[in-house]
């Protein structure tokens, strides 16, 4: 069975930007030639050196690009990753279980958490606010 070519708009765009360095006409490095240097004046040995430099630069750029993408995407993933609010619930004298709280209480704890993070409140203070709410709502006994 013949191998089928798999094309997508992203692959097409990548192939347009990342030309094969070994393409026969040498057009891949036209944009890198300094003013006054013409491709006709380059011999085969110099062209091989240019190909080697190009390949090394591309490898370095790919590593940098991957790190940059991971770094930039990490911020997006942190925004959509839900926060485990169980960490702000009191553990003493009796541990409060998230699943035992009603929906209204869970929403209120989420609101308290969101406000505290916007205000730059520390985690111990956040836990105290959650404890106070639970005490005021008669969910937790002193």
N, C-alpha and C. Protein backbone atom coordinates (compact mmCIF):
# COMPACT_ATOMS: atom_id res chain seq x y z
N UNK A 1 0.84 -1.17 0.00
CA UNK A 1 0.00 0.00 0.00
C UNK A 1 0.89 1.25 0.00
N UNK A 2 0.60 2.18 -0.86
CA UNK A 2 1.42 3.38 -0.99
C UNK A 2 1.21 4.30 0.22
N UNK A 3 2.29 4.92 0.61
CA UNK A 3 2.21 5.86 1.73
C UNK A 3 1.57 7.15 1.24
N UNK A 4 0.57 7.60 1.96
CA UNK A 4 -0.13 8.81 1.57
C UNK A 4 0.54 10.03 2.19
N UNK A 5 0.53 11.11 1.46
CA UNK A 5 1.05 12.37 1.99
C UNK A 5 -0.01 12.96 2.90
N UNK A 6 0.41 13.37 4.08
CA UNK A 6 -0.52 13.97 5.03
C UNK A 6 -0.26 15.45 5.08
N UNK A 7 -1.19 16.23 4.62
CA UNK A 7 -1.01 17.68 4.57
C UNK A 7 -2.08 18.37 5.41
N UNK A 8 -1.68 19.37 6.11
CA UNK A 8 -2.61 20.24 6.84
C UNK A 8 -2.15 21.66 6.61
N UNK A 9 -3.00 22.63 6.94
CA UNK A 9 -2.55 24.02 6.78
C UNK A 9 -1.30 24.34 7.59
N UNK A 10 -1.16 23.74 8.78
CA UNK A 10 0.03 23.99 9.59
C UNK A 10 1.28 23.41 8.94
N UNK A 11 1.16 22.21 8.40
CA UNK A 11 2.31 21.58 7.74
C UNK A 11 2.70 22.40 6.51
N UNK A 12 1.71 22.84 5.74
CA UNK A 12 2.00 23.65 4.56
C UNK A 12 2.73 24.93 4.94
N UNK A 13 2.25 25.60 5.99
CA UNK A 13 2.88 26.85 6.43
C UNK A 13 4.30 26.59 6.92
N UNK A 14 4.49 25.50 7.67
CA UNK A 14 5.82 25.15 8.17
C UNK A 14 6.77 24.90 7.00
N UNK A 15 6.31 24.16 6.01
CA UNK A 15 7.16 23.83 4.87
C UNK A 15 7.53 25.07 4.05
N UNK A 16 6.62 26.05 4.00
CA UNK A 16 6.95 27.28 3.27
C UNK A 16 8.04 28.06 3.98
N UNK A 17 8.00 28.08 5.31
CA UNK A 17 8.98 28.85 6.08
C UNK A 17 10.29 28.08 6.23
N UNK A 18 10.22 26.78 6.44
CA UNK A 18 11.41 25.95 6.69
C UNK A 18 11.74 25.16 5.42
N UNK A 19 12.40 25.83 4.52
CA UNK A 19 12.78 25.18 3.27
C UNK A 19 13.91 24.19 3.51
N UNK A 20 13.97 23.19 2.72
CA UNK A 20 15.04 22.20 2.82
C UNK A 20 16.37 22.87 2.48
N UNK A 21 17.29 22.80 3.40
CA UNK A 21 18.59 23.46 3.20
C UNK A 21 19.37 22.85 2.05
N UNK A 22 19.01 21.67 1.65
CA UNK A 22 19.74 21.02 0.57
C UNK A 22 19.03 21.17 -0.77
N UNK A 23 18.09 22.11 -0.87
CA UNK A 23 17.40 22.31 -2.14
C UNK A 23 18.43 22.69 -3.20
N UNK A 24 18.21 22.22 -4.39
CA UNK A 24 19.20 22.33 -5.45
C UNK A 24 19.57 23.73 -5.88
N UNK A 25 18.64 24.67 -5.88
CA UNK A 25 18.94 25.98 -6.42
C UNK A 25 19.61 26.93 -5.42
N UNK A 26 19.71 26.54 -4.18
CA UNK A 26 20.37 27.39 -3.18
C UNK A 26 19.54 28.57 -2.74
N UNK A 27 18.29 28.60 -3.16
CA UNK A 27 17.44 29.75 -2.83
C UNK A 27 17.13 29.84 -1.35
N UNK A 28 17.37 28.79 -0.62
CA UNK A 28 17.06 28.79 0.81
C UNK A 28 17.87 29.83 1.57
N UNK A 29 19.06 30.18 1.07
CA UNK A 29 19.87 31.14 1.83
C UNK A 29 19.98 32.51 1.16
N UNK A 30 19.19 32.76 0.15
CA UNK A 30 19.21 34.08 -0.50
C UNK A 30 18.96 35.19 0.52
N UNK A 31 18.00 34.98 1.40
CA UNK A 31 17.64 36.04 2.34
C UNK A 31 18.73 36.30 3.38
N UNK A 32 19.72 35.39 3.49
CA UNK A 32 20.78 35.56 4.48
C UNK A 32 22.05 36.17 3.88
N UNK A 33 22.10 36.32 2.57
CA UNK A 33 23.30 36.87 1.93
C UNK A 33 23.44 38.36 2.25
N UNK A 34 24.64 38.78 2.62
CA UNK A 34 24.85 40.22 2.88
C UNK A 34 24.80 40.99 1.56
N UNK A 35 24.58 42.29 1.64
CA UNK A 35 24.53 43.10 0.41
C UNK A 35 25.84 42.98 -0.37
N UNK A 36 25.73 42.85 -1.66
CA UNK A 36 26.91 42.77 -2.52
C UNK A 36 27.43 41.37 -2.76
N UNK A 37 26.89 40.36 -2.08
CA UNK A 37 27.32 38.97 -2.30
C UNK A 37 26.24 38.28 -3.13
N UNK A 38 26.68 37.66 -4.22
CA UNK A 38 25.74 37.02 -5.13
C UNK A 38 25.95 35.51 -5.12
N UNK A 39 24.87 34.80 -5.25
CA UNK A 39 24.91 33.35 -5.17
C UNK A 39 25.81 32.75 -6.25
N UNK A 40 25.90 33.39 -7.38
CA UNK A 40 26.72 32.86 -8.48
C UNK A 40 28.19 32.80 -8.11
N UNK A 41 28.62 33.62 -7.17
CA UNK A 41 30.03 33.68 -6.79
C UNK A 41 30.41 32.70 -5.70
N UNK A 42 29.43 31.95 -5.17
CA UNK A 42 29.70 30.99 -4.10
C UNK A 42 30.07 29.64 -4.70
N UNK A 43 31.18 29.07 -4.24
CA UNK A 43 31.55 27.75 -4.74
C UNK A 43 30.91 26.67 -3.87
N UNK A 44 31.11 25.41 -4.27
CA UNK A 44 30.46 24.29 -3.60
C UNK A 44 30.95 24.13 -2.16
N UNK A 45 32.22 24.34 -1.92
CA UNK A 45 32.77 24.20 -0.57
C UNK A 45 32.16 25.25 0.38
N UNK A 46 32.07 26.48 -0.09
CA UNK A 46 31.47 27.53 0.73
C UNK A 46 29.99 27.25 0.97
N UNK A 47 29.32 26.75 -0.04
CA UNK A 47 27.90 26.43 0.12
C UNK A 47 27.71 25.33 1.16
N UNK A 48 28.61 24.34 1.20
CA UNK A 48 28.52 23.28 2.21
C UNK A 48 28.72 23.85 3.62
N UNK A 49 29.64 24.82 3.74
CA UNK A 49 29.85 25.47 5.04
C UNK A 49 28.58 26.23 5.46
N UNK A 50 27.98 26.92 4.50
CA UNK A 50 26.75 27.66 4.79
C UNK A 50 25.63 26.71 5.22
N UNK A 51 25.54 25.57 4.58
CA UNK A 51 24.53 24.57 4.95
C UNK A 51 24.78 24.08 6.37
N UNK A 52 26.02 23.83 6.72
CA UNK A 52 26.35 23.36 8.07
C UNK A 52 25.98 24.42 9.11
N UNK A 53 26.33 25.68 8.82
CA UNK A 53 25.99 26.76 9.76
C UNK A 53 24.48 26.88 9.90
N UNK A 54 23.79 26.81 8.76
CA UNK A 54 22.32 26.89 8.77
C UNK A 54 21.72 25.78 9.63
N UNK A 55 22.20 24.57 9.45
CA UNK A 55 21.67 23.44 10.21
C UNK A 55 21.92 23.60 11.70
N UNK A 56 23.10 24.06 12.08
CA UNK A 56 23.40 24.29 13.50
C UNK A 56 22.48 25.37 14.08
N UNK A 57 22.30 26.43 13.33
CA UNK A 57 21.42 27.50 13.80
C UNK A 57 19.98 27.01 13.94
N UNK A 58 19.55 26.20 13.00
CA UNK A 58 18.18 25.68 13.07
C UNK A 58 17.99 24.78 14.29
N UNK A 59 18.99 23.95 14.61
CA UNK A 59 18.89 23.11 15.80
C UNK A 59 18.82 23.95 17.07
N UNK A 60 19.67 24.99 17.16
CA UNK A 60 19.62 25.87 18.32
C UNK A 60 18.27 26.58 18.41
N UNK A 61 17.76 27.02 17.28
CA UNK A 61 16.48 27.74 17.25
C UNK A 61 15.33 26.82 17.65
N UNK A 62 15.38 25.57 17.24
CA UNK A 62 14.32 24.63 17.60
C UNK A 62 14.29 24.42 19.11
N UNK A 63 15.46 24.30 19.73
CA UNK A 63 15.51 24.14 21.19
C UNK A 63 14.96 25.37 21.89
N UNK A 64 15.38 26.54 21.43
CA UNK A 64 14.87 27.79 22.00
C UNK A 64 13.38 27.91 21.79
N UNK A 65 12.91 27.57 20.59
CA UNK A 65 11.49 27.67 20.25
C UNK A 65 10.65 26.76 21.14
N UNK A 66 11.09 25.52 21.34
CA UNK A 66 10.35 24.59 22.20
C UNK A 66 10.24 25.12 23.62
N UNK A 67 11.34 25.64 24.16
CA UNK A 67 11.31 26.18 25.52
C UNK A 67 10.39 27.39 25.61
N UNK A 68 10.43 28.24 24.60
CA UNK A 68 9.59 29.42 24.59
C UNK A 68 8.11 29.03 24.53
N UNK A 69 7.78 28.07 23.69
CA UNK A 69 6.39 27.61 23.57
C UNK A 69 5.92 27.02 24.89
N UNK A 70 6.73 26.18 25.52
CA UNK A 70 6.36 25.58 26.81
C UNK A 70 6.13 26.66 27.85
N UNK A 71 7.01 27.64 27.88
CA UNK A 71 6.90 28.72 28.86
C UNK A 71 5.62 29.52 28.64
N UNK A 72 5.34 29.88 27.40
CA UNK A 72 4.15 30.67 27.08
C UNK A 72 2.87 29.87 27.31
N UNK A 73 2.88 28.60 26.98
CA UNK A 73 1.68 27.76 27.16
C UNK A 73 1.42 27.46 28.63
N UNK A 74 2.46 27.45 29.43
CA UNK A 74 2.30 27.16 30.85
C UNK A 74 1.36 28.17 31.51
N UNK A 75 1.49 29.43 31.13
CA UNK A 75 0.60 30.46 31.67
C UNK A 75 -0.85 30.20 31.31
N UNK A 76 -1.09 29.75 30.08
CA UNK A 76 -2.46 29.45 29.66
C UNK A 76 -3.00 28.27 30.43
N UNK A 77 -2.19 27.23 30.60
CA UNK A 77 -2.65 26.05 31.33
C UNK A 77 -2.92 26.37 32.79
N UNK A 78 -2.14 27.27 33.38
CA UNK A 78 -2.38 27.64 34.78
C UNK A 78 -3.71 28.36 34.94
N UNK A 79 -4.10 29.13 33.91
CA UNK A 79 -5.37 29.84 33.95
C UNK A 79 -6.55 28.88 33.91
N UNK A 80 -6.43 27.80 33.16
CA UNK A 80 -7.58 26.90 33.00
C UNK A 80 -7.54 25.71 33.95
N UNK A 81 -6.44 25.52 34.65
CA UNK A 81 -6.35 24.42 35.60
C UNK A 81 -7.08 24.81 36.88
N UNK A 82 -8.06 24.02 37.28
CA UNK A 82 -8.80 24.38 38.49
C UNK A 82 -7.91 24.27 39.73
N UNK A 83 -8.14 25.15 40.66
CA UNK A 83 -7.40 25.16 41.91
C UNK A 83 -8.05 24.16 42.86
N UNK A 84 -7.24 23.40 43.55
CA UNK A 84 -7.75 22.44 44.51
C UNK A 84 -8.03 23.19 45.81
N UNK A 85 -9.28 23.54 46.01
CA UNK A 85 -9.66 24.33 47.18
C UNK A 85 -9.67 23.51 48.46
N UNK A 86 -9.47 22.22 48.35
CA UNK A 86 -9.42 21.39 49.56
C UNK A 86 -8.22 21.77 50.42
N UNK A 87 -7.22 22.38 49.83
CA UNK A 87 -6.02 22.75 50.58
C UNK A 87 -6.26 23.92 51.53
N UNK A 88 -7.34 24.70 51.32
CA UNK A 88 -7.62 25.84 52.19
C UNK A 88 -8.61 25.49 53.29
N UNK A 89 -9.15 24.28 53.27
CA UNK A 89 -10.12 23.86 54.28
C UNK A 89 -9.42 23.52 55.59
N UNK A 90 -10.07 23.83 56.71
CA UNK A 90 -9.48 23.52 58.02
C UNK A 90 -9.34 22.01 58.23
N UNK A 91 -8.25 21.64 58.90
CA UNK A 91 -8.00 20.23 59.20
C UNK A 91 -8.19 19.93 60.68
N UNK A 92 -8.22 21.00 61.51
CA UNK A 92 -8.38 20.81 62.95
C UNK A 92 -9.55 21.65 63.43
N UNK A 93 -10.23 21.32 64.42
CA UNK A 93 -10.18 20.09 65.22
C UNK A 93 -10.73 18.89 64.45
N UNK A 94 -11.66 19.13 63.54
CA UNK A 94 -12.21 18.04 62.71
C UNK A 94 -12.00 18.46 61.26
N UNK A 95 -11.40 17.60 60.43
CA UNK A 95 -11.19 17.97 59.03
C UNK A 95 -12.51 18.21 58.30
N UNK A 96 -12.56 19.29 57.52
CA UNK A 96 -13.74 19.58 56.71
C UNK A 96 -13.52 18.97 55.34
N UNK A 97 -14.48 18.19 54.89
CA UNK A 97 -14.39 17.52 53.58
C UNK A 97 -15.13 18.37 52.54
N UNK A 98 -14.50 18.60 51.42
CA UNK A 98 -15.09 19.40 50.34
C UNK A 98 -16.41 18.80 49.87
N UNK A 99 -16.46 17.49 49.77
CA UNK A 99 -17.66 16.82 49.25
C UNK A 99 -18.86 16.98 50.19
N UNK A 100 -18.62 17.22 51.46
CA UNK A 100 -19.73 17.36 52.40
C UNK A 100 -20.31 18.77 52.41
N UNK A 101 -19.62 19.71 51.80
CA UNK A 101 -20.13 21.09 51.74
C UNK A 101 -21.20 21.21 50.66
N UNK A 102 -22.16 22.08 50.90
CA UNK A 102 -23.18 22.34 49.90
C UNK A 102 -22.63 23.19 48.77
N UNK A 103 -23.39 23.29 47.71
CA UNK A 103 -22.95 24.06 46.54
C UNK A 103 -22.76 25.53 46.90
N UNK A 104 -23.67 26.08 47.72
CA UNK A 104 -23.54 27.48 48.12
C UNK A 104 -22.25 27.72 48.91
N UNK A 105 -21.94 26.80 49.81
CA UNK A 105 -20.71 26.93 50.59
C UNK A 105 -19.47 26.81 49.70
N UNK A 106 -19.51 25.88 48.75
CA UNK A 106 -18.39 25.72 47.83
C UNK A 106 -18.19 26.99 47.00
N UNK A 107 -19.28 27.58 46.52
CA UNK A 107 -19.19 28.82 45.74
C UNK A 107 -18.62 29.96 46.58
N UNK A 108 -19.06 30.03 47.84
CA UNK A 108 -18.58 31.09 48.72
C UNK A 108 -17.08 30.93 48.99
N UNK A 109 -16.63 29.71 49.19
CA UNK A 109 -15.21 29.47 49.42
C UNK A 109 -14.41 29.83 48.16
N UNK A 110 -14.97 29.51 46.99
CA UNK A 110 -14.33 29.89 45.73
C UNK A 110 -14.23 31.41 45.62
N UNK A 111 -15.30 32.12 46.01
CA UNK A 111 -15.30 33.59 45.97
C UNK A 111 -14.24 34.15 46.92
N UNK A 112 -14.18 33.58 48.13
CA UNK A 112 -13.18 34.02 49.12
C UNK A 112 -11.78 33.80 48.56
N UNK A 113 -11.57 32.65 47.95
CA UNK A 113 -10.25 32.33 47.37
C UNK A 113 -9.90 33.33 46.26
N UNK A 114 -10.83 33.56 45.34
CA UNK A 114 -10.58 34.48 44.22
C UNK A 114 -10.25 35.88 44.70
N UNK A 115 -11.03 36.39 45.68
CA UNK A 115 -10.76 37.72 46.20
C UNK A 115 -9.40 37.79 46.89
N UNK A 116 -9.07 36.76 47.64
CA UNK A 116 -7.79 36.74 48.34
C UNK A 116 -6.62 36.74 47.36
N UNK A 117 -6.74 35.98 46.27
CA UNK A 117 -5.65 35.93 45.29
C UNK A 117 -5.52 37.26 44.55
N UNK A 118 -6.64 37.92 44.29
CA UNK A 118 -6.59 39.24 43.64
C UNK A 118 -5.92 40.26 44.54
N UNK A 119 -6.18 40.15 45.85
CA UNK A 119 -5.61 41.09 46.82
C UNK A 119 -4.18 40.72 47.23
N UNK A 120 -3.70 39.57 46.81
CA UNK A 120 -2.34 39.14 47.15
C UNK A 120 -2.21 38.66 48.58
N UNK A 121 -3.28 38.08 49.10
CA UNK A 121 -3.29 37.59 50.48
C UNK A 121 -2.48 36.31 50.58
N UNK A 122 -1.77 36.14 51.68
CA UNK A 122 -0.95 34.93 51.87
C UNK A 122 -1.85 33.73 52.16
N UNK A 123 -1.31 32.55 51.99
CA UNK A 123 -2.08 31.32 52.21
C UNK A 123 -2.57 31.17 53.65
N UNK A 124 -1.75 31.46 54.67
CA UNK A 124 -2.27 31.35 56.05
C UNK A 124 -3.47 32.28 56.31
N UNK A 125 -3.41 33.49 55.76
CA UNK A 125 -4.51 34.43 55.93
C UNK A 125 -5.75 33.93 55.20
N UNK A 126 -5.55 33.38 54.01
CA UNK A 126 -6.66 32.80 53.25
C UNK A 126 -7.33 31.69 54.04
N UNK A 127 -6.52 30.83 54.64
CA UNK A 127 -7.09 29.73 55.43
C UNK A 127 -7.87 30.26 56.63
N UNK A 128 -7.40 31.35 57.23
CA UNK A 128 -8.12 31.96 58.35
C UNK A 128 -9.46 32.52 57.89
N UNK A 129 -9.48 33.12 56.71
CA UNK A 129 -10.74 33.66 56.18
C UNK A 129 -11.74 32.54 55.91
N UNK A 130 -11.26 31.44 55.35
CA UNK A 130 -12.15 30.30 55.09
C UNK A 130 -12.66 29.73 56.41
N UNK A 131 -11.80 29.60 57.39
CA UNK A 131 -12.21 29.09 58.72
C UNK A 131 -13.27 30.01 59.32
N UNK A 132 -13.07 31.33 59.23
CA UNK A 132 -14.04 32.28 59.79
C UNK A 132 -15.38 32.12 59.08
N UNK A 133 -15.36 31.98 57.76
CA UNK A 133 -16.61 31.79 57.03
C UNK A 133 -17.32 30.53 57.50
N UNK A 134 -16.59 29.44 57.63
CA UNK A 134 -17.20 28.18 58.04
C UNK A 134 -17.74 28.28 59.46
N UNK A 135 -17.07 29.01 60.33
CA UNK A 135 -17.57 29.21 61.69
C UNK A 135 -18.85 30.07 61.67
N UNK A 136 -18.85 31.15 60.88
CA UNK A 136 -20.00 32.03 60.80
C UNK A 136 -21.21 31.33 60.19
N UNK A 137 -20.96 30.39 59.29
CA UNK A 137 -22.05 29.66 58.64
C UNK A 137 -22.48 28.44 59.45
N UNK A 138 -21.94 28.26 60.64
CA UNK A 138 -22.26 27.15 61.53
C UNK A 138 -21.95 25.79 60.92
N UNK A 139 -20.99 25.76 60.00
CA UNK A 139 -20.57 24.49 59.41
C UNK A 139 -19.45 23.89 60.27
N UNK A 140 -18.72 24.76 60.89
CA UNK A 140 -17.59 24.35 61.72
C UNK A 140 -17.84 24.88 63.12
N UNK A 141 -17.57 24.02 64.10
CA UNK A 141 -17.75 24.45 65.50
C UNK A 141 -16.40 24.82 66.08
N UNK A 142 -16.40 25.85 66.89
CA UNK A 142 -15.17 26.34 67.49
C UNK A 142 -14.66 25.43 68.58
